[in-house]
PDB file of N, CA and C in Angstrom:
ATOM      1  N   UNK A   1     148.749 119.117  84.796  1.00  0.00           N
ATOM      2  CA  UNK A   1     148.115 118.038  85.439  1.00  0.00           C
ATOM      3  C   UNK A   1     148.331 116.798  84.630  1.00  0.00           C
ATOM      4  N   UNK A   2     148.735 115.699  85.241  1.00  0.00           N
ATOM      5  CA  UNK A   2     149.020 114.519  84.535  1.00  0.00           C
ATOM      6  C   UNK A   2     147.860 113.911  83.702  1.00  0.00           C
ATOM      7  N   UNK A   3     148.169 113.491  82.516  1.00  0.00           N
ATOM      8  CA  UNK A   3     147.051 113.008  81.659  1.00  0.00           C
ATOM      9  C   UNK A   3     146.471 111.705  82.139  1.00  0.00           C
ATOM     10  N   UNK A   4     147.291 110.905  82.910  1.00  0.00           N
ATOM     11  CA  UNK A   4     146.709 109.642  83.469  1.00  0.00           C
ATOM     12  C   UNK A   4     145.583 109.951  84.429  1.00  0.00           C
ATOM     13  N   UNK A   5     145.633 111.051  85.142  1.00  0.00           N
ATOM     14  CA  UNK A   5     144.570 111.367  86.067  1.00  0.00           C
ATOM     15  C   UNK A   5     143.321 111.797  85.241  1.00  0.00           C
ATOM     16  N   UNK A   6     143.519 112.598  84.252  1.00  0.00           N
ATOM     17  CA  UNK A   6     142.398 113.057  83.414  1.00  0.00           C
ATOM     18  C   UNK A   6     141.749 111.826  82.734  1.00  0.00           C
ATOM     19  N   UNK A   7     142.626 110.941  82.205  1.00  0.00           N
ATOM     20  CA  UNK A   7     142.070 109.797  81.478  1.00  0.00           C
ATOM     21  C   UNK A   7     141.259 108.908  82.420  1.00  0.00           C
ATOM     22  N   UNK A   8     141.752 108.704  83.695  1.00  0.00           N
ATOM     23  CA  UNK A   8     140.960 107.870  84.594  1.00  0.00           C
ATOM     24  C   UNK A   8     139.641 108.591  85.011  1.00  0.00           C
ATOM     25  N   UNK A   9     139.652 109.887  85.178  1.00  0.00           N
ATOM     26  CA  UNK A   9     138.419 110.578  85.461  1.00  0.00           C
ATOM     27  C   UNK A   9     137.463 110.524  84.352  1.00  0.00           C
ATOM     28  N   UNK A  10     137.938 110.750  83.128  1.00  0.00           N
ATOM     29  CA  UNK A  10     137.086 110.735  81.916  1.00  0.00           C
ATOM     30  C   UNK A  10     136.479 109.343  81.804  1.00  0.00           C
ATOM     31  N   UNK A  11     137.186 108.270  81.999  1.00  0.00           N
ATOM     32  CA  UNK A  11     136.716 106.953  81.822  1.00  0.00           C
ATOM     33  C   UNK A  11     135.632 106.660  82.908  1.00  0.00           C
ATOM     34  N   UNK A  12     135.823 107.116  84.069  1.00  0.00           N
ATOM     35  CA  UNK A  12     134.815 106.984  85.174  1.00  0.00           C
ATOM     36  C   UNK A  12     133.554 107.743  84.890  1.00  0.00           C
ATOM     37  N   UNK A  13     133.688 109.007  84.430  1.00  0.00           N
ATOM     38  CA  UNK A  13     132.479 109.784  84.110  1.00  0.00           C
ATOM     39  C   UNK A  13     131.768 109.151  82.981  1.00  0.00           C
ATOM     40  N   UNK A  14     132.426 108.775  81.922  1.00  0.00           N
ATOM     41  CA  UNK A  14     131.761 108.172  80.731  1.00  0.00           C
ATOM     42  C   UNK A  14     131.020 106.914  81.190  1.00  0.00           C
ATOM     43  N   UNK A  15     131.678 106.015  81.874  1.00  0.00           N
ATOM     44  CA  UNK A  15     131.093 104.742  82.301  1.00  0.00           C
ATOM     45  C   UNK A  15     129.948 104.929  83.297  1.00  0.00           C
ATOM     46  N   UNK A  16     130.113 105.788  84.275  1.00  0.00           N
ATOM     47  CA  UNK A  16     129.122 105.895  85.344  1.00  0.00           C
ATOM     48  C   UNK A  16     127.985 106.808  85.007  1.00  0.00           C
ATOM     49  N   UNK A  17     128.279 107.980  84.427  1.00  0.00           N
ATOM     50  CA  UNK A  17     127.245 108.949  84.226  1.00  0.00           C
ATOM     51  C   UNK A  17     126.728 109.042  82.754  1.00  0.00           C
ATOM     52  N   UNK A  18     127.503 108.536  81.818  1.00  0.00           N
ATOM     53  CA  UNK A  18     127.046 108.598  80.370  1.00  0.00           C
ATOM     54  C   UNK A  18     126.879 107.207  79.872  1.00  0.00           C
ATOM     55  N   UNK A  19     126.779 106.222  80.782  1.00  0.00           N
ATOM     56  CA  UNK A  19     126.405 104.837  80.554  1.00  0.00           C
ATOM     57  C   UNK A  19     127.251 104.269  79.408  1.00  0.00           C
ATOM     58  N   UNK A  20     128.537 104.588  79.419  1.00  0.00           N
ATOM     59  CA  UNK A  20     129.499 104.077  78.475  1.00  0.00           C
ATOM     60  C   UNK A  20     129.482 104.693  77.114  1.00  0.00           C
ATOM     61  N   UNK A  21     128.661 105.719  76.926  1.00  0.00           N
ATOM     62  CA  UNK A  21     128.590 106.431  75.625  1.00  0.00           C
ATOM     63  C   UNK A  21     129.785 107.314  75.426  1.00  0.00           C
ATOM     64  N   UNK A  22     130.856 106.818  74.889  1.00  0.00           N
ATOM     65  CA  UNK A  22     132.088 107.691  74.698  1.00  0.00           C
ATOM     66  C   UNK A  22     131.915 108.684  73.589  1.00  0.00           C
ATOM     67  N   UNK A  23     130.861 108.582  72.837  1.00  0.00           N
ATOM     68  CA  UNK A  23     130.676 109.551  71.720  1.00  0.00           C
ATOM     69  C   UNK A  23     130.102 110.865  72.212  1.00  0.00           C
ATOM     70  N   UNK A  24     129.660 110.961  73.477  1.00  0.00           N
ATOM     71  CA  UNK A  24     129.197 112.215  74.049  1.00  0.00           C
ATOM     72  C   UNK A  24     130.321 113.180  74.224  1.00  0.00           C
ATOM     73  N   UNK A  25     130.110 114.442  73.766  1.00  0.00           N
ATOM     74  CA  UNK A  25     131.101 115.417  73.871  1.00  0.00           C
ATOM     75  C   UNK A  25     131.351 115.769  75.374  1.00  0.00           C
ATOM     76  N   UNK A  26     132.524 115.528  75.902  1.00  0.00           N
ATOM     77  CA  UNK A  26     132.840 115.728  77.292  1.00  0.00           C
ATOM     78  C   UNK A  26     134.057 116.644  77.363  1.00  0.00           C
ATOM     79  N   UNK A  27     133.894 118.013  77.221  1.00  0.00           N
ATOM     80  CA  UNK A  27     135.046 118.863  77.226  1.00  0.00           C
ATOM     81  C   UNK A  27     135.769 118.866  78.595  1.00  0.00           C
ATOM     82  N   UNK A  28     137.005 119.013  78.556  1.00  0.00           N
ATOM     83  CA  UNK A  28     137.821 118.883  79.755  1.00  0.00           C
ATOM     84  C   UNK A  28     137.472 119.975  80.802  1.00  0.00           C
ATOM     85  N   UNK A  29     137.069 121.165  80.329  1.00  0.00           N
ATOM     86  CA  UNK A  29     136.750 122.261  81.235  1.00  0.00           C
ATOM     87  C   UNK A  29     135.243 122.470  81.310  1.00  0.00           C
ATOM     88  N   UNK A  30     134.381 121.661  80.646  1.00  0.00           N
ATOM     89  CA  UNK A  30     132.935 121.754  80.697  1.00  0.00           C
ATOM     90  C   UNK A  30     132.400 121.397  82.002  1.00  0.00           C
ATOM     91  N   UNK A  31     131.456 122.206  82.492  1.00  0.00           N
ATOM     92  CA  UNK A  31     130.821 121.996  83.804  1.00  0.00           C
ATOM     93  C   UNK A  31     129.946 120.707  83.792  1.00  0.00           C
ATOM     94  N   UNK A  32     130.247 119.800  84.727  1.00  0.00           N
ATOM     95  CA  UNK A  32     129.408 118.637  84.844  1.00  0.00           C
ATOM     96  C   UNK A  32     127.954 118.985  85.128  1.00  0.00           C
ATOM     97  N   UNK A  33     127.740 119.993  86.055  1.00  0.00           N
ATOM     98  CA  UNK A  33     126.411 120.340  86.465  1.00  0.00           C
ATOM     99  C   UNK A  33     125.677 121.115  85.375  1.00  0.00           C
ATOM    100  N   UNK A  34     126.311 122.129  84.777  1.00  0.00           N
ATOM    101  CA  UNK A  34     125.703 122.970  83.692  1.00  0.00           C
ATOM    102  C   UNK A  34     125.335 122.108  82.545  1.00  0.00           C
ATOM    103  N   UNK A  35     126.088 121.021  82.183  1.00  0.00           N
ATOM    104  CA  UNK A  35     125.841 120.253  81.021  1.00  0.00           C
ATOM    105  C   UNK A  35     124.900 119.009  81.414  1.00  0.00           C
ATOM    106  N   UNK A  36     124.439 118.958  82.637  1.00  0.00           N
ATOM    107  CA  UNK A  36     123.489 117.936  83.065  1.00  0.00           C
ATOM    108  C   UNK A  36     124.121 116.557  83.134  1.00  0.00           C
ATOM    109  N   UNK A  37     125.381 116.432  83.282  1.00  0.00           N
ATOM    110  CA  UNK A  37     126.111 115.166  83.356  1.00  0.00           C
ATOM    111  C   UNK A  37     126.064 114.524  84.694  1.00  0.00           C
ATOM    112  N   UNK A  38     126.250 115.443  85.735  1.00  0.00           N
ATOM    113  CA  UNK A  38     126.267 114.908  87.106  1.00  0.00           C
ATOM    114  C   UNK A  38     125.418 115.783  87.981  1.00  0.00           C
ATOM    115  N   UNK A  39     124.620 115.182  88.849  1.00  0.00           N
ATOM    116  CA  UNK A  39     123.819 115.939  89.852  1.00  0.00           C
ATOM    117  C   UNK A  39     124.496 115.881  91.244  1.00  0.00           C
ATOM    118  N   UNK A  40     123.850 116.321  92.271  1.00  0.00           N
ATOM    119  CA  UNK A  40     124.481 116.422  93.537  1.00  0.00           C
ATOM    120  C   UNK A  40     124.858 115.000  94.092  1.00  0.00           C
ATOM    121  N   UNK A  41     124.016 113.986  93.811  1.00  0.00           N
ATOM    122  CA  UNK A  41     124.312 112.653  94.153  1.00  0.00           C
ATOM    123  C   UNK A  41     125.545 112.151  93.426  1.00  0.00           C
ATOM    124  N   UNK A  42     125.596 112.468  92.181  1.00  0.00           N
ATOM    125  CA  UNK A  42     126.727 112.100  91.329  1.00  0.00           C
ATOM    126  C   UNK A  42     128.057 112.638  91.797  1.00  0.00           C
ATOM    127  N   UNK A  43     127.977 113.850  92.347  1.00  0.00           N
ATOM    128  CA  UNK A  43     129.182 114.493  92.867  1.00  0.00           C
ATOM    129  C   UNK A  43     129.749 113.619  93.985  1.00  0.00           C
ATOM    130  N   UNK A  44     128.817 113.087  94.852  1.00  0.00           N
ATOM    131  CA  UNK A  44     129.280 112.214  95.912  1.00  0.00           C
ATOM    132  C   UNK A  44     129.954 110.926  95.374  1.00  0.00           C
ATOM    133  N   UNK A  45     129.362 110.385  94.272  1.00  0.00           N
ATOM    134  CA  UNK A  45     129.971 109.232  93.691  1.00  0.00           C
ATOM    135  C   UNK A  45     131.376 109.567  93.141  1.00  0.00           C
ATOM    136  N   UNK A  46     131.490 110.717  92.489  1.00  0.00           N
ATOM    137  CA  UNK A  46     132.760 111.176  92.008  1.00  0.00           C
ATOM    138  C   UNK A  46     133.812 111.340  93.108  1.00  0.00           C
ATOM    139  N   UNK A  47     133.344 111.947  94.269  1.00  0.00           N
ATOM    140  CA  UNK A  47     134.260 112.117  95.371  1.00  0.00           C
ATOM    141  C   UNK A  47     134.741 110.679  95.895  1.00  0.00           C
ATOM    142  N   UNK A  48     133.807 109.746  96.029  1.00  0.00           N
ATOM    143  CA  UNK A  48     134.204 108.367  96.412  1.00  0.00           C
ATOM    144  C   UNK A  48     135.158 107.798  95.446  1.00  0.00           C
ATOM    145  N   UNK A  49     134.964 107.992  94.173  1.00  0.00           N
ATOM    146  CA  UNK A  49     135.932 107.458  93.136  1.00  0.00           C
ATOM    147  C   UNK A  49     137.279 108.110  93.349  1.00  0.00           C
ATOM    148  N   UNK A  50     137.386 109.398  93.573  1.00  0.00           N
ATOM    149  CA  UNK A  50     138.598 110.030  93.744  1.00  0.00           C
ATOM    150  C   UNK A  50     139.295 109.492  95.002  1.00  0.00           C
ATOM    151  N   UNK A  51     138.572 109.375  96.092  1.00  0.00           N
ATOM    152  CA  UNK A  51     139.216 108.852  97.295  1.00  0.00           C
ATOM    153  C   UNK A  51     139.722 107.460  97.144  1.00  0.00           C
ATOM    154  N   UNK A  52     138.934 106.575  96.525  1.00  0.00           N
ATOM    155  CA  UNK A  52     139.338 105.188  96.361  1.00  0.00           C
ATOM    156  C   UNK A  52     140.440 105.036  95.324  1.00  0.00           C
ATOM    157  N   UNK A  53     140.344 105.722  94.202  1.00  0.00           N
ATOM    158  CA  UNK A  53     141.301 105.508  93.124  1.00  0.00           C
ATOM    159  C   UNK A  53     142.630 106.145  93.429  1.00  0.00           C
ATOM    160  N   UNK A  54     142.665 107.371  93.959  1.00  0.00           N
ATOM    161  CA  UNK A  54     143.854 108.113  94.153  1.00  0.00           C
ATOM    162  C   UNK A  54     144.358 108.062  95.580  1.00  0.00           C
ATOM    163  N   UNK A  55     143.624 107.406  96.510  1.00  0.00           N
ATOM    164  CA  UNK A  55     144.103 107.242  97.825  1.00  0.00           C
ATOM    165  C   UNK A  55     144.112 108.495  98.590  1.00  0.00           C
ATOM    166  N   UNK A  56     143.085 109.394  98.347  1.00  0.00           N
ATOM    167  CA  UNK A  56     143.095 110.675  98.951  1.00  0.00           C
ATOM    168  C   UNK A  56     141.833 110.737  99.949  1.00  0.00           C
ATOM    169  N   UNK A  57     141.979 111.556 100.992  1.00  0.00           N
ATOM    170  CA  UNK A  57     140.842 111.874 101.818  1.00  0.00           C
ATOM    171  C   UNK A  57     140.288 113.265 101.400  1.00  0.00           C
ATOM    172  N   UNK A  58     139.009 113.312 101.109  1.00  0.00           N
ATOM    173  CA  UNK A  58     138.384 114.553 100.730  1.00  0.00           C
ATOM    174  C   UNK A  58     137.524 115.067 101.874  1.00  0.00           C
ATOM    175  N   UNK A  59     137.808 116.191 102.431  1.00  0.00           N
ATOM    176  CA  UNK A  59     137.022 116.828 103.513  1.00  0.00           C
ATOM    177  C   UNK A  59     135.737 117.409 102.938  1.00  0.00           C
ATOM    178  N   UNK A  60     134.671 117.412 103.718  1.00  0.00           N
ATOM    179  CA  UNK A  60     133.398 117.934 103.289  1.00  0.00           C
ATOM    180  C   UNK A  60     133.556 119.363 102.766  1.00  0.00           C
ATOM    181  N   UNK A  61     134.385 120.117 103.415  1.00  0.00           N
ATOM    182  CA  UNK A  61     134.657 121.536 102.952  1.00  0.00           C
ATOM    183  C   UNK A  61     135.307 121.676 101.617  1.00  0.00           C
ATOM    184  N   UNK A  62     135.868 120.551 101.093  1.00  0.00           N
ATOM    185  CA  UNK A  62     136.500 120.543  99.766  1.00  0.00           C
ATOM    186  C   UNK A  62     135.588 120.115  98.678  1.00  0.00           C
ATOM    187  N   UNK A  63     134.381 119.731  98.969  1.00  0.00           N
ATOM    188  CA  UNK A  63     133.423 119.286  97.941  1.00  0.00           C
ATOM    189  C   UNK A  63     132.700 120.532  97.446  1.00  0.00           C
ATOM    190  N   UNK A  64     133.366 121.193  96.540  1.00  0.00           N
ATOM    191  CA  UNK A  64     132.946 122.464  95.964  1.00  0.00           C
ATOM    192  C   UNK A  64     132.981 122.399  94.444  1.00  0.00           C
ATOM    193  N   UNK A  65     132.211 123.200  93.775  1.00  0.00           N
ATOM    194  CA  UNK A  65     132.348 123.228  92.322  1.00  0.00           C
ATOM    195  C   UNK A  65     133.703 123.536  91.812  1.00  0.00           C
ATOM    196  N   UNK A  66     134.458 124.364  92.593  1.00  0.00           N
ATOM    197  CA  UNK A  66     135.782 124.738  92.216  1.00  0.00           C
ATOM    198  C   UNK A  66     136.738 123.538  92.159  1.00  0.00           C
ATOM    199  N   UNK A  67     136.332 122.426  92.854  1.00  0.00           N
ATOM    200  CA  UNK A  67     137.181 121.257  92.891  1.00  0.00           C
ATOM    201  C   UNK A  67     136.613 120.084  92.104  1.00  0.00           C
ATOM    202  N   UNK A  68     135.247 120.093  91.828  1.00  0.00           N
ATOM    203  CA  UNK A  68     134.637 118.868  91.317  1.00  0.00           C
ATOM    204  C   UNK A  68     133.660 119.121  90.158  1.00  0.00           C
ATOM    205  N   UNK A  69     133.759 120.229  89.440  1.00  0.00           N
ATOM    206  CA  UNK A  69     132.779 120.510  88.449  1.00  0.00           C
ATOM    207  C   UNK A  69     133.249 120.273  86.983  1.00  0.00           C
ATOM    208  N   UNK A  70     134.364 119.729  86.787  1.00  0.00           N
ATOM    209  CA  UNK A  70     134.853 119.357  85.468  1.00  0.00           C
ATOM    210  C   UNK A  70     136.044 118.421  85.541  1.00  0.00           C
ATOM    211  N   UNK A  71     136.322 117.772  84.480  1.00  0.00           N
ATOM    212  CA  UNK A  71     137.489 116.914  84.510  1.00  0.00           C
ATOM    213  C   UNK A  71     138.778 117.665  84.902  1.00  0.00           C
ATOM    214  N   UNK A  72     138.940 118.826  84.324  1.00  0.00           N
ATOM    215  CA  UNK A  72     140.160 119.647  84.583  1.00  0.00           C
ATOM    216  C   UNK A  72     140.194 120.007  86.109  1.00  0.00           C
ATOM    217  N   UNK A  73     139.045 120.435  86.658  1.00  0.00           N
ATOM    218  CA  UNK A  73     139.054 120.867  88.054  1.00  0.00           C
ATOM    219  C   UNK A  73     139.355 119.677  88.995  1.00  0.00           C
ATOM    220  N   UNK A  74     138.785 118.537  88.724  1.00  0.00           N
ATOM    221  CA  UNK A  74     139.015 117.409  89.555  1.00  0.00           C
ATOM    222  C   UNK A  74     140.478 116.944  89.423  1.00  0.00           C
ATOM    223  N   UNK A  75     141.025 116.956  88.249  1.00  0.00           N
ATOM    224  CA  UNK A  75     142.434 116.541  87.986  1.00  0.00           C
ATOM    225  C   UNK A  75     143.378 117.495  88.738  1.00  0.00           C
ATOM    226  N   UNK A  76     143.071 118.790  88.684  1.00  0.00           N
ATOM    227  CA  UNK A  76     143.859 119.809  89.364  1.00  0.00           C
ATOM    228  C   UNK A  76     143.800 119.580  90.881  1.00  0.00           C
ATOM    229  N   UNK A  77     142.583 119.277  91.357  1.00  0.00           N
ATOM    230  CA  UNK A  77     142.419 119.018  92.805  1.00  0.00           C
ATOM    231  C   UNK A  77     143.173 117.764  93.295  1.00  0.00           C
ATOM    232  N   UNK A  78     143.158 116.724  92.465  1.00  0.00           N
ATOM    233  CA  UNK A  78     143.857 115.530  92.790  1.00  0.00           C
ATOM    234  C   UNK A  78     145.403 115.811  92.861  1.00  0.00           C
ATOM    235  N   UNK A  79     145.868 116.474  91.859  1.00  0.00           N
ATOM    236  CA  UNK A  79     147.323 116.836  91.817  1.00  0.00           C
ATOM    237  C   UNK A  79     147.746 117.678  93.000  1.00  0.00           C
ATOM    238  N   UNK A  80     146.924 118.686  93.368  1.00  0.00           N
ATOM    239  CA  UNK A  80     147.190 119.518  94.543  1.00  0.00           C
ATOM    240  C   UNK A  80     147.221 118.702  95.794  1.00  0.00           C
ATOM    241  N   UNK A  81     146.253 117.830  95.955  1.00  0.00           N
ATOM    242  CA  UNK A  81     146.191 116.943  97.170  1.00  0.00           C
ATOM    243  C   UNK A  81     147.344 116.023  97.282  1.00  0.00           C
ATOM    244  N   UNK A  82     147.776 115.462  96.084  1.00  0.00           N
ATOM    245  CA  UNK A  82     148.921 114.561  96.114  1.00  0.00           C
ATOM    246  C   UNK A  82     150.211 115.359  96.514  1.00  0.00           C
ATOM    247  N   UNK A  83     150.363 116.547  95.976  1.00  0.00           N
ATOM    248  CA  UNK A  83     151.501 117.349  96.315  1.00  0.00           C
ATOM    249  C   UNK A  83     151.538 117.740  97.788  1.00  0.00           C
ATOM    250  N   UNK A  84     150.340 118.075  98.333  1.00  0.00           N
ATOM    251  CA  UNK A  84     150.270 118.371  99.790  1.00  0.00           C
ATOM    252  C   UNK A  84     150.605 117.158 100.621  1.00  0.00           C
ATOM    253  N   UNK A  85     150.152 115.989 100.167  1.00  0.00           N
ATOM    254  CA  UNK A  85     150.359 114.795 100.983  1.00  0.00           C
ATOM    255  C   UNK A  85     151.847 114.387 100.935  1.00  0.00           C
ATOM    256  N   UNK A  86     152.514 114.609  99.796  1.00  0.00           N
ATOM    257  CA  UNK A  86     153.879 114.293  99.670  1.00  0.00           C
ATOM    258  C   UNK A  86     154.791 115.289 100.434  1.00  0.00           C
ATOM    259  N   UNK A  87     154.348 116.467 100.596  1.00  0.00           N
ATOM    260  CA  UNK A  87     155.139 117.498 101.353  1.00  0.00           C
ATOM    261  C   UNK A  87     154.943 117.242 102.858  1.00  0.00           C
ATOM    262  N   UNK A  88     153.939 116.642 103.252  1.00  0.00           N
ATOM    263  CA  UNK A  88     153.722 116.410 104.736  1.00  0.00           C
ATOM    264  C   UNK A  88     154.587 115.339 105.338  1.00  0.00           C
TER     265      UNK A  88
END
């Protein structure tokens, strides 16, 4: 997964949910929900960020922890969606 996607996601999460506190440990595979970083409303903010920043449409059925519960999962999701869009 491209590091630029991870970097943009990390910057958004730090700024939006950690109030700019970059010193907070934010592991790439750490669960946003289990670590209390993002709640259900925050997931919707994250989805909107992904759609706006990466030019993707996210279906309601795709808003799952498997796709949106860590930096790594979101980055993988974005990469998969981009690949699918390019193949179409």
